[in-house]
Amino acid sequence: MRGAGNMQGMMKQMQKMQKKMAEAQENLGNERMEGTAGGGMVKVIVSGHKEVLEVIIDPEAVDPEDVEILQDLIVIATNDAIAKAEEMTNSTMGQFTKGMNLPGMF
């Protein structure tokens, strides 16, 4: 019954890895990434879970005659912040899938 012992050990390792992955995922939610546009006139803060937490707009960026520029700056800053969150997620969670070919995993 030597194979059963190996299977138990492997299951324990998998449980430990699952726990570590859950902790890492939770910690990502506490991280904050900032995306900027317009030389910092628009800032967007997102969590590691890619949720927009805050939008900061410098009053100088507000031109009632040209709202489209402000809208574009918000989109750019948001995409910048989300890209940083994605990079952090890949870096953090990628440690659990190194060497594994798992499509769709981080």
PDB file of N, CA and C in Angstrom:
ATOM      1  N   MET A   1       0.821  -1.192   0.000  1.00  0.00           N
ATOM      2  CA  MET A   1       0.000   0.000   0.000  1.00  0.00           C
ATOM      3  C   MET A   1       0.865   1.256   0.000  1.00  0.00           C
ATOM      4  N   ARG A   2       1.966   1.148  -0.600  1.00  0.00           N
ATOM      5  CA  ARG A   2       2.882   2.272  -0.635  1.00  0.00           C
ATOM      6  C   ARG A   2       2.316   3.443  -1.428  1.00  0.00           C
ATOM      7  N   GLY A   3       1.569   3.169  -2.468  1.00  0.00           N
ATOM      8  CA  GLY A   3       0.975   4.225  -3.289  1.00  0.00           C
ATOM      9  C   GLY A   3      -0.021   5.064  -2.524  1.00  0.00           C
ATOM     10  N   ALA A   4      -0.714   4.482  -1.552  1.00  0.00           N
ATOM     11  CA  ALA A   4      -1.695   5.224  -0.755  1.00  0.00           C
ATOM     12  C   ALA A   4      -1.007   6.288   0.096  1.00  0.00           C
ATOM     13  N   GLY A   5       0.167   5.953   0.623  1.00  0.00           N
ATOM     14  CA  GLY A   5       0.919   6.926   1.421  1.00  0.00           C
ATOM     15  C   GLY A   5       1.366   8.104   0.582  1.00  0.00           C
ATOM     16  N   ASN A   6       1.821   7.817  -0.628  1.00  0.00           N
ATOM     17  CA  ASN A   6       2.228   8.890  -1.537  1.00  0.00           C
ATOM     18  C   ASN A   6       1.039   9.782  -1.884  1.00  0.00           C
ATOM     19  N   MET A   7      -0.115   9.152  -2.060  1.00  0.00           N
ATOM     20  CA  MET A   7      -1.316   9.908  -2.413  1.00  0.00           C
ATOM     21  C   MET A   7      -1.728  10.809  -1.256  1.00  0.00           C
ATOM     22  N   GLN A   8      -1.639  10.309  -0.039  1.00  0.00           N
ATOM     23  CA  GLN A   8      -1.976  11.116   1.135  1.00  0.00           C
ATOM     24  C   GLN A   8      -1.032  12.306   1.245  1.00  0.00           C
ATOM     25  N   GLY A   9       0.227  12.062   1.046  1.00  0.00           N
ATOM     26  CA  GLY A   9       1.215  13.148   1.108  1.00  0.00           C
ATOM     27  C   GLY A   9       0.950  14.188   0.040  1.00  0.00           C
ATOM     28  N   MET A  10       0.611  13.724  -1.141  1.00  0.00           N
ATOM     29  CA  MET A  10       0.315  14.652  -2.235  1.00  0.00           C
ATOM     30  C   MET A  10      -0.932  15.469  -1.924  1.00  0.00           C
ATOM     31  N   MET A  11      -1.933  14.842  -1.333  1.00  0.00           N
ATOM     32  CA  MET A  11      -3.165  15.553  -0.981  1.00  0.00           C
ATOM     33  C   MET A  11      -2.879  16.624   0.080  1.00  0.00           C
ATOM     34  N   LYS A  12      -2.032  16.304   1.042  1.00  0.00           N
ATOM     35  CA  LYS A  12      -1.668  17.273   2.074  1.00  0.00           C
ATOM     36  C   LYS A  12      -0.944  18.466   1.443  1.00  0.00           C
ATOM     37  N   GLN A  13      -0.046  18.171   0.496  1.00  0.00           N
ATOM     38  CA  GLN A  13       0.669  19.256  -0.192  1.00  0.00           C
ATOM     39  C   GLN A  13      -0.313  20.137  -0.966  1.00  0.00           C
ATOM     40  N   MET A  14      -1.274  19.512  -1.619  1.00  0.00           N
ATOM     41  CA  MET A  14      -2.271  20.266  -2.380  1.00  0.00           C
ATOM     42  C   MET A  14      -3.096  21.152  -1.458  1.00  0.00           C
ATOM     43  N   GLN A  15      -3.465  20.646  -0.291  1.00  0.00           N
ATOM     44  CA  GLN A  15      -4.233  21.435   0.664  1.00  0.00           C
ATOM     45  C   GLN A  15      -3.426  22.628   1.157  1.00  0.00           C
ATOM     46  N   LYS A  16      -2.143  22.409   1.429  1.00  0.00           N
ATOM     47  CA  LYS A  16      -1.272  23.510   1.857  1.00  0.00           C
ATOM     48  C   LYS A  16      -1.174  24.564   0.760  1.00  0.00           C
ATOM     49  N   MET A  17      -1.013  24.103  -0.478  1.00  0.00           N
ATOM     50  CA  MET A  17      -0.904  25.035  -1.592  1.00  0.00           C
ATOM     51  C   MET A  17      -2.211  25.816  -1.766  1.00  0.00           C
ATOM     52  N   GLN A  18      -3.339  25.148  -1.624  1.00  0.00           N
ATOM     53  CA  GLN A  18      -4.629  25.826  -1.740  1.00  0.00           C
ATOM     54  C   GLN A  18      -4.762  26.898  -0.665  1.00  0.00           C
ATOM     55  N   LYS A  19      -4.333  26.589   0.547  1.00  0.00           N
ATOM     56  CA  LYS A  19      -4.405  27.559   1.640  1.00  0.00           C
ATOM     57  C   LYS A  19      -3.520  28.766   1.342  1.00  0.00           C
ATOM     58  N   LYS A  20      -2.302  28.500   0.868  1.00  0.00           N
ATOM     59  CA  LYS A  20      -1.392  29.591   0.530  1.00  0.00           C
ATOM     60  C   LYS A  20      -1.950  30.441  -0.616  1.00  0.00           C
ATOM     61  N   MET A  21      -2.574  29.791  -1.590  1.00  0.00           N
ATOM     62  CA  MET A  21      -3.163  30.528  -2.712  1.00  0.00           C
ATOM     63  C   MET A  21      -4.303  31.417  -2.228  1.00  0.00           C
ATOM     64  N   ALA A  22      -5.130  30.902  -1.335  1.00  0.00           N
ATOM     65  CA  ALA A  22      -6.249  31.690  -0.798  1.00  0.00           C
ATOM     66  C   ALA A  22      -5.726  32.890  -0.019  1.00  0.00           C
ATOM     67  N   GLU A  23      -4.664  32.682   0.761  1.00  0.00           N
ATOM     68  CA  GLU A  23      -4.067  33.784   1.518  1.00  0.00           C
ATOM     69  C   GLU A  23      -3.484  34.833   0.574  1.00  0.00           C
ATOM     70  N   ALA A  24      -2.798  34.381  -0.458  1.00  0.00           N
ATOM     71  CA  ALA A  24      -2.206  35.309  -1.422  1.00  0.00           C
ATOM     72  C   ALA A  24      -3.304  36.099  -2.132  1.00  0.00           C
ATOM     73  N   GLN A  25      -4.382  35.425  -2.497  1.00  0.00           N
ATOM     74  CA  GLN A  25      -5.500  36.095  -3.167  1.00  0.00           C
ATOM     75  C   GLN A  25      -6.115  37.150  -2.253  1.00  0.00           C
ATOM     76  N   GLU A  26      -6.264  36.812  -0.986  1.00  0.00           N
ATOM     77  CA  GLU A  26      -6.819  37.764  -0.019  1.00  0.00           C
ATOM     78  C   GLU A  26      -5.891  38.969   0.141  1.00  0.00           C
ATOM     79  N   ASN A  27      -4.593  38.699   0.222  1.00  0.00           N
ATOM     80  CA  ASN A  27      -3.620  39.784   0.364  1.00  0.00           C
ATOM     81  C   ASN A  27      -3.636  40.708  -0.849  1.00  0.00           C
ATOM     82  N   LEU A  28      -3.876  40.140  -2.030  1.00  0.00           N
ATOM     83  CA  LEU A  28      -3.961  40.973  -3.231  1.00  0.00           C
ATOM     84  C   LEU A  28      -5.071  42.011  -3.096  1.00  0.00           C
ATOM     85  N   GLY A  29      -6.153  41.637  -2.458  1.00  0.00           N
ATOM     86  CA  GLY A  29      -7.265  42.564  -2.275  1.00  0.00           C
ATOM     87  C   GLY A  29      -6.896  43.770  -1.433  1.00  0.00           C
ATOM     88  N   ASN A  30      -5.860  43.617  -0.609  1.00  0.00           N
ATOM     89  CA  ASN A  30      -5.415  44.729   0.233  1.00  0.00           C
ATOM     90  C   ASN A  30      -4.410  45.641  -0.471  1.00  0.00           C
ATOM     91  N   GLU A  31      -3.890  45.182  -1.602  1.00  0.00           N
ATOM     92  CA  GLU A  31      -2.923  45.987  -2.350  1.00  0.00           C
ATOM     93  C   GLU A  31      -3.633  47.117  -3.093  1.00  0.00           C
ATOM     94  N   ARG A  32      -2.924  48.205  -3.313  1.00  0.00           N
ATOM     95  CA  ARG A  32      -3.459  49.362  -4.038  1.00  0.00           C
ATOM     96  C   ARG A  32      -2.500  49.731  -5.154  1.00  0.00           C
ATOM     97  N   MET A  33      -3.034  49.874  -6.368  1.00  0.00           N
ATOM     98  CA  MET A  33      -2.243  50.305  -7.503  1.00  0.00           C
ATOM     99  C   MET A  33      -2.829  51.612  -8.015  1.00  0.00           C
ATOM    100  N   GLU A  34      -1.950  52.496  -8.458  1.00  0.00           N
ATOM    101  CA  GLU A  34      -2.382  53.795  -8.956  1.00  0.00           C
ATOM    102  C   GLU A  34      -2.046  53.918 -10.428  1.00  0.00           C
ATOM    103  N   GLY A  35      -3.045  54.273 -11.204  1.00  0.00           N
ATOM    104  CA  GLY A  35      -2.844  54.586 -12.608  1.00  0.00           C
ATOM    105  C   GLY A  35      -3.012  56.081 -12.801  1.00  0.00           C
ATOM    106  N   THR A  36      -2.227  56.648 -13.701  1.00  0.00           N
ATOM    107  CA  THR A  36      -2.305  58.087 -13.912  1.00  0.00           C
ATOM    108  C   THR A  36      -2.418  58.410 -15.392  1.00  0.00           C
ATOM    109  N   ALA A  37      -2.893  59.608 -15.654  1.00  0.00           N
ATOM    110  CA  ALA A  37      -2.970  60.122 -17.022  1.00  0.00           C
ATOM    111  C   ALA A  37      -2.883  61.642 -16.955  1.00  0.00           C
ATOM    112  N   GLY A  38      -2.523  62.231 -18.078  1.00  0.00           N
ATOM    113  CA  GLY A  38      -2.443  63.685 -18.145  1.00  0.00           C
ATOM    114  C   GLY A  38      -1.411  64.258 -17.203  1.00  0.00           C
ATOM    115  N   GLY A  39      -0.281  63.576 -17.078  1.00  0.00           N
ATOM    116  CA  GLY A  39       0.774  64.079 -16.199  1.00  0.00           C
ATOM    117  C   GLY A  39       0.357  64.075 -14.735  1.00  0.00           C
ATOM    118  N   GLY A  40      -0.505  63.154 -14.363  1.00  0.00           N
ATOM    119  CA  GLY A  40      -0.945  63.052 -12.976  1.00  0.00           C
ATOM    120  C   GLY A  40      -2.200  63.849 -12.676  1.00  0.00           C
ATOM    121  N   MET A  41      -2.788  64.458 -13.702  1.00  0.00           N
ATOM    122  CA  MET A  41      -4.007  65.241 -13.471  1.00  0.00           C
ATOM    123  C   MET A  41      -5.201  64.344 -13.141  1.00  0.00           C
ATOM    124  N   VAL A  42      -5.141  63.114 -13.606  1.00  0.00           N
ATOM    125  CA  VAL A  42      -6.175  62.134 -13.281  1.00  0.00           C
ATOM    126  C   VAL A  42      -5.487  60.906 -12.706  1.00  0.00           C
ATOM    127  N   LYS A  43      -5.960  60.458 -11.542  1.00  0.00           N
ATOM    128  CA  LYS A  43      -5.418  59.269 -10.893  1.00  0.00           C
ATOM    129  C   LYS A  43      -6.573  58.329 -10.578  1.00  0.00           C
ATOM    130  N   VAL A  44      -6.323  57.053 -10.793  1.00  0.00           N
ATOM    131  CA  VAL A  44      -7.299  56.031 -10.446  1.00  0.00           C
ATOM    132  C   VAL A  44      -6.601  55.006  -9.570  1.00  0.00           C
ATOM    133  N   ILE A  45      -7.208  54.694  -8.434  1.00  0.00           N
ATOM    134  CA  ILE A  45      -6.670  53.712  -7.507  1.00  0.00           C
ATOM    135  C   ILE A  45      -7.542  52.458  -7.617  1.00  0.00           C
ATOM    136  N   VAL A  46      -6.879  51.301  -7.823  1.00  0.00           N
ATOM    137  CA  VAL A  46      -7.600  50.034  -7.870  1.00  0.00           C
ATOM    138  C   VAL A  46      -6.984  49.080  -6.856  1.00  0.00           C
ATOM    139  N   SER A  47      -7.784  48.100  -6.444  1.00  0.00           N
ATOM    140  CA  SER A  47      -7.281  47.064  -5.547  1.00  0.00           C
ATOM    141  C   SER A  47      -6.611  45.984  -6.379  1.00  0.00           C
ATOM    142  N   GLY A  48      -5.946  45.080  -5.695  1.00  0.00           N
ATOM    143  CA  GLY A  48      -5.348  43.938  -6.371  1.00  0.00           C
ATOM    144  C   GLY A  48      -6.390  43.022  -6.990  1.00  0.00           C
ATOM    145  N   HIS A  49      -7.648  43.211  -6.611  1.00  0.00           N
ATOM    146  CA  HIS A  49      -8.747  42.456  -7.220  1.00  0.00           C
ATOM    147  C   HIS A  49      -9.339  43.204  -8.405  1.00  0.00           C
ATOM    148  N   LYS A  50      -8.666  44.272  -8.812  1.00  0.00           N
ATOM    149  CA  LYS A  50      -9.040  45.072  -9.982  1.00  0.00           C
ATOM    150  C   LYS A  50     -10.374  45.797  -9.803  1.00  0.00           C
ATOM    151  N   GLU A  51     -10.655  46.214  -8.579  1.00  0.00           N
ATOM    152  CA  GLU A  51     -11.839  47.012  -8.288  1.00  0.00           C
ATOM    153  C   GLU A  51     -11.404  48.466  -8.186  1.00  0.00           C
ATOM    154  N   VAL A  52     -12.112  49.358  -8.872  1.00  0.00           N
ATOM    155  CA  VAL A  52     -11.803  50.777  -8.781  1.00  0.00           C
ATOM    156  C   VAL A  52     -12.224  51.261  -7.399  1.00  0.00           C
ATOM    157  N   LEU A  53     -11.279  51.838  -6.656  1.00  0.00           N
ATOM    158  CA  LEU A  53     -11.535  52.294  -5.301  1.00  0.00           C
ATOM    159  C   LEU A  53     -11.682  53.805  -5.220  1.00  0.00           C
ATOM    160  N   GLU A  54     -10.959  54.494  -6.109  1.00  0.00           N
ATOM    161  CA  GLU A  54     -10.939  55.948  -6.000  1.00  0.00           C
ATOM    162  C   GLU A  54     -10.558  56.563  -7.341  1.00  0.00           C
ATOM    163  N   VAL A  55     -11.173  57.700  -7.650  1.00  0.00           N
ATOM    164  CA  VAL A  55     -10.811  58.491  -8.824  1.00  0.00           C
ATOM    165  C   VAL A  55     -10.505  59.896  -8.318  1.00  0.00           C
ATOM    166  N   ILE A  56      -9.321  60.379  -8.646  1.00  0.00           N
ATOM    167  CA  ILE A  56      -8.887  61.699  -8.194  1.00  0.00           C
ATOM    168  C   ILE A  56      -8.654  62.557  -9.438  1.00  0.00           C
ATOM    169  N   ILE A  57      -9.352  63.678  -9.503  1.00  0.00           N
ATOM    170  CA  ILE A  57      -9.252  64.549 -10.677  1.00  0.00           C
ATOM    171  C   ILE A  57      -8.798  65.934 -10.222  1.00  0.00           C
ATOM    172  N   ASP A  58      -7.694  66.375 -10.775  1.00  0.00           N
ATOM    173  CA  ASP A  58      -7.203  67.727 -10.512  1.00  0.00           C
ATOM    174  C   ASP A  58      -8.205  68.703 -11.129  1.00  0.00           C
ATOM    175  N   PRO A  59      -8.627  69.714 -10.394  1.00  0.00           N
ATOM    176  CA  PRO A  59      -9.599  70.678 -10.927  1.00  0.00           C
ATOM    177  C   PRO A  59      -9.169  71.308 -12.257  1.00  0.00           C
ATOM    178  N   GLU A  60      -7.857  71.395 -12.478  1.00  0.00           N
ATOM    179  CA  GLU A  60      -7.379  71.957 -13.741  1.00  0.00           C
ATOM    180  C   GLU A  60      -7.712  71.069 -14.938  1.00  0.00           C
ATOM    181  N   ALA A  61      -7.990  69.805 -14.685  1.00  0.00           N
ATOM    182  CA  ALA A  61      -8.324  68.879 -15.766  1.00  0.00           C
ATOM    183  C   ALA A  61      -9.780  69.028 -16.213  1.00  0.00           C
ATOM    184  N   VAL A  62     -10.555  69.780 -15.447  1.00  0.00           N
ATOM    185  CA  VAL A  62     -11.982  69.927 -15.748  1.00  0.00           C
ATOM    186  C   VAL A  62     -12.194  71.158 -16.631  1.00  0.00           C
ATOM    187  N   ASP A  63     -12.542  70.889 -17.869  1.00  0.00           N
ATOM    188  CA  ASP A  63     -12.865  71.954 -18.821  1.00  0.00           C
ATOM    189  C   ASP A  63     -14.274  71.672 -19.342  1.00  0.00           C
ATOM    190  N   PRO A  64     -15.253  72.443 -18.887  1.00  0.00           N
ATOM    191  CA  PRO A  64     -16.631  72.201 -19.311  1.00  0.00           C
ATOM    192  C   PRO A  64     -16.807  72.237 -20.833  1.00  0.00           C
ATOM    193  N   GLU A  65     -15.897  72.894 -21.517  1.00  0.00           N
ATOM    194  CA  GLU A  65     -15.969  72.989 -22.971  1.00  0.00           C
ATOM    195  C   GLU A  65     -15.427  71.741 -23.660  1.00  0.00           C
ATOM    196  N   ASP A  66     -14.678  70.928 -22.923  1.00  0.00           N
ATOM    197  CA  ASP A  66     -14.067  69.751 -23.531  1.00  0.00           C
ATOM    198  C   ASP A  66     -14.083  68.573 -22.555  1.00  0.00           C
ATOM    199  N   VAL A  67     -15.257  68.081 -22.287  1.00  0.00           N
ATOM    200  CA  VAL A  67     -15.443  66.970 -21.366  1.00  0.00           C
ATOM    201  C   VAL A  67     -14.817  65.685 -21.913  1.00  0.00           C
ATOM    202  N   GLU A  68     -14.728  65.544 -23.219  1.00  0.00           N
ATOM    203  CA  GLU A  68     -14.187  64.331 -23.832  1.00  0.00           C
ATOM    204  C   GLU A  68     -12.739  64.065 -23.416  1.00  0.00           C
ATOM    205  N   ILE A  69     -11.955  65.109 -23.270  1.00  0.00           N
ATOM    206  CA  ILE A  69     -10.560  64.918 -22.841  1.00  0.00           C
ATOM    207  C   ILE A  69     -10.532  64.333 -21.437  1.00  0.00           C
ATOM    208  N   LEU A  70     -11.343  64.853 -20.540  1.00  0.00           N
ATOM    209  CA  LEU A  70     -11.393  64.317 -19.178  1.00  0.00           C
ATOM    210  C   LEU A  70     -11.840  62.859 -19.187  1.00  0.00           C
ATOM    211  N   GLN A  71     -12.828  62.545 -19.991  1.00  0.00           N
ATOM    212  CA  GLN A  71     -13.292  61.161 -20.091  1.00  0.00           C
ATOM    213  C   GLN A  71     -12.166  60.254 -20.576  1.00  0.00           C
ATOM    214  N   ASP A  72     -11.425  60.710 -21.576  1.00  0.00           N
ATOM    215  CA  ASP A  72     -10.303  59.923 -22.094  1.00  0.00           C
ATOM    216  C   ASP A  72      -9.236  59.722 -21.020  1.00  0.00           C
ATOM    217  N   LEU A  73      -8.942  60.762 -20.252  1.00  0.00           N
ATOM    218  CA  LEU A  73      -7.936  60.664 -19.192  1.00  0.00           C
ATOM    219  C   LEU A  73      -8.360  59.662 -18.122  1.00  0.00           C
ATOM    220  N   ILE A  74      -9.633  59.634 -17.811  1.00  0.00           N
ATOM    221  CA  ILE A  74     -10.135  58.678 -16.816  1.00  0.00           C
ATOM    222  C   ILE A  74      -9.981  57.246 -17.332  1.00  0.00           C
ATOM    223  N   VAL A  75     -10.309  57.032 -18.590  1.00  0.00           N
ATOM    224  CA  VAL A  75     -10.168  55.699 -19.183  1.00  0.00           C
ATOM    225  C   VAL A  75      -8.698  55.280 -19.185  1.00  0.00           C
ATOM    226  N   ILE A  76      -7.815  56.172 -19.581  1.00  0.00           N
ATOM    227  CA  ILE A  76      -6.380  55.859 -19.635  1.00  0.00           C
ATOM    228  C   ILE A  76      -5.853  55.528 -18.244  1.00  0.00           C
ATOM    229  N   ALA A  77      -6.196  56.352 -17.261  1.00  0.00           N
ATOM    230  CA  ALA A  77      -5.717  56.118 -15.894  1.00  0.00           C
ATOM    231  C   ALA A  77      -6.273  54.809 -15.334  1.00  0.00           C
ATOM    232  N   THR A  78      -7.527  54.520 -15.630  1.00  0.00           N
ATOM    233  CA  THR A  78      -8.140  53.280 -15.152  1.00  0.00           C
ATOM    234  C   THR A  78      -7.450  52.073 -15.771  1.00  0.00           C
ATOM    235  N   ASN A  79      -7.227  52.112 -17.068  1.00  0.00           N
ATOM    236  CA  ASN A  79      -6.550  51.000 -17.738  1.00  0.00           C
ATOM    237  C   ASN A  79      -5.128  50.821 -17.226  1.00  0.00           C
ATOM    238  N   ASP A  80      -4.454  51.924 -16.925  1.00  0.00           N
ATOM    239  CA  ASP A  80      -3.099  51.871 -16.378  1.00  0.00           C
ATOM    240  C   ASP A  80      -3.104  51.177 -15.020  1.00  0.00           C
ATOM    241  N   ALA A  81      -4.037  51.552 -14.161  1.00  0.00           N
ATOM    242  CA  ALA A  81      -4.122  50.952 -12.830  1.00  0.00           C
ATOM    243  C   ALA A  81      -4.473  49.470 -12.912  1.00  0.00           C
ATOM    244  N   ILE A  82      -5.400  49.124 -13.783  1.00  0.00           N
ATOM    245  CA  ILE A  82      -5.799  47.722 -13.934  1.00  0.00           C
ATOM    246  C   ILE A  82      -4.636  46.886 -14.477  1.00  0.00           C
ATOM    247  N   ALA A  83      -3.876  47.447 -15.403  1.00  0.00           N
ATOM    248  CA  ALA A  83      -2.712  46.732 -15.936  1.00  0.00           C
ATOM    249  C   ALA A  83      -1.700  46.460 -14.819  1.00  0.00           C
ATOM    250  N   LYS A  84      -1.501  47.425 -13.934  1.00  0.00           N
ATOM    251  CA  LYS A  84      -0.580  47.228 -12.811  1.00  0.00           C
ATOM    252  C   LYS A  84      -1.110  46.161 -11.859  1.00  0.00           C
ATOM    253  N   ALA A  85      -2.422  46.163 -11.628  1.00  0.00           N
ATOM    254  CA  ALA A  85      -3.024  45.140 -10.765  1.00  0.00           C
ATOM    255  C   ALA A  85      -2.887  43.759 -11.399  1.00  0.00           C
ATOM    256  N   GLU A  86      -3.076  43.685 -12.710  1.00  0.00           N
ATOM    257  CA  GLU A  86      -2.938  42.417 -13.429  1.00  0.00           C
ATOM    258  C   GLU A  86      -1.504  41.897 -13.325  1.00  0.00           C
ATOM    259  N   GLU A  87      -0.550  42.797 -13.480  1.00  0.00           N
ATOM    260  CA  GLU A  87       0.860  42.424 -13.372  1.00  0.00           C
ATOM    261  C   GLU A  87       1.177  41.890 -11.981  1.00  0.00           C
ATOM    262  N   MET A  88       0.641  42.565 -10.958  1.00  0.00           N
ATOM    263  CA  MET A  88       0.877  42.121  -9.590  1.00  0.00           C
ATOM    264  C   MET A  88       0.214  40.761  -9.346  1.00  0.00           C
ATOM    265  N   THR A  89      -0.981  40.567  -9.874  1.00  0.00           N
ATOM    266  CA  THR A  89      -1.677  39.289  -9.726  1.00  0.00           C
ATOM    267  C   THR A  89      -0.871  38.172 -10.374  1.00  0.00           C
ATOM    268  N   ASN A  90      -0.406  38.411 -11.594  1.00  0.00           N
ATOM    269  CA  ASN A  90       0.386  37.400 -12.294  1.00  0.00           C
ATOM    270  C   ASN A  90       1.666  37.075 -11.534  1.00  0.00           C
ATOM    271  N   SER A  91       2.296  38.093 -10.991  1.00  0.00           N
ATOM    272  CA  SER A  91       3.535  37.898 -10.240  1.00  0.00           C
ATOM    273  C   SER A  91       3.275  37.124  -8.955  1.00  0.00           C
ATOM    274  N   THR A  92       2.228  37.499  -8.236  1.00  0.00           N
ATOM    275  CA  THR A  92       1.924  36.875  -6.951  1.00  0.00           C
ATOM    276  C   THR A  92       1.392  35.459  -7.116  1.00  0.00           C
ATOM    277  N   MET A  93       0.411  35.303  -7.973  1.00  0.00           N
ATOM    278  CA  MET A  93      -0.243  34.003  -8.100  1.00  0.00           C
ATOM    279  C   MET A  93       0.536  33.060  -9.020  1.00  0.00           C
ATOM    280  N   GLY A  94       1.381  33.613  -9.868  1.00  0.00           N
ATOM    281  CA  GLY A  94       2.153  32.788 -10.790  1.00  0.00           C
ATOM    282  C   GLY A  94       3.105  31.840 -10.089  1.00  0.00           C
ATOM    283  N   GLN A  95       3.495  32.190  -8.872  1.00  0.00           N
ATOM    284  CA  GLN A  95       4.404  31.314  -8.120  1.00  0.00           C
ATOM    285  C   GLN A  95       3.770  29.954  -7.831  1.00  0.00           C
ATOM    286  N   PHE A  96       2.443  29.902  -7.830  1.00  0.00           N
ATOM    287  CA  PHE A  96       1.765  28.644  -7.533  1.00  0.00           C
ATOM    288  C   PHE A  96       1.615  27.754  -8.762  1.00  0.00           C
ATOM    289  N   THR A  97       1.789  28.341  -9.940  1.00  0.00           N
ATOM    290  CA  THR A  97       1.582  27.559 -11.157  1.00  0.00           C
ATOM    291  C   THR A  97       2.862  27.415 -11.977  1.00  0.00           C
ATOM    292  N   LYS A  98       3.999  27.794 -11.412  1.00  0.00           N
ATOM    293  CA  LYS A  98       5.271  27.663 -12.127  1.00  0.00           C
ATOM    294  C   LYS A  98       5.470  26.231 -12.589  1.00  0.00           C
ATOM    295  N   GLY A  99       5.809  26.094 -13.841  1.00  0.00           N
ATOM    296  CA  GLY A  99       6.099  24.775 -14.374  1.00  0.00           C
ATOM    297  C   GLY A  99       4.868  23.964 -14.754  1.00  0.00           C
ATOM    298  N   MET A 100       3.691  24.473 -14.405  1.00  0.00           N
ATOM    299  CA  MET A 100       2.475  23.765 -14.774  1.00  0.00           C
ATOM    300  C   MET A 100       1.882  24.425 -16.005  1.00  0.00           C
ATOM    301  N   ASN A 101       1.384  23.665 -16.902  1.00  0.00           N
ATOM    302  CA  ASN A 101       0.737  24.215 -18.086  1.00  0.00           C
ATOM    303  C   ASN A 101      -0.764  24.183 -17.865  1.00  0.00           C
ATOM    304  N   LEU A 102      -1.271  25.214 -17.157  1.00  0.00           N
ATOM    305  CA  LEU A 102      -2.679  25.276 -16.812  1.00  0.00           C
ATOM    306  C   LEU A 102      -3.322  26.453 -17.533  1.00  0.00           C
ATOM    307  N   PRO A 103      -3.975  26.211 -18.656  1.00  0.00           N
ATOM    308  CA  PRO A 103      -4.597  27.314 -19.383  1.00  0.00           C
ATOM    309  C   PRO A 103      -5.647  28.014 -18.529  1.00  0.00           C
ATOM    310  N   GLY A 104      -5.635  29.347 -18.609  1.00  0.00           N
ATOM    311  CA  GLY A 104      -6.631  30.126 -17.895  1.00  0.00           C
ATOM    312  C   GLY A 104      -6.288  30.413 -16.449  1.00  0.00           C
ATOM    313  N   MET A 105      -5.162  29.919 -15.994  1.00  0.00           N
ATOM    314  CA  MET A 105      -4.752  30.171 -14.601  1.00  0.00           C
ATOM    315  C   MET A 105      -3.791  31.336 -14.575  1.00  0.00           C
ATOM    316  N   PHE A 106      -4.173  32.412 -13.977  1.00  0.00           N
ATOM    317  CA  PHE A 106      -3.364  33.600 -13.737  1.00  0.00           C
ATOM    318  C   PHE A 106      -2.389  33.821 -14.849  1.00  0.00           C
TER     319      PHE A 106
END
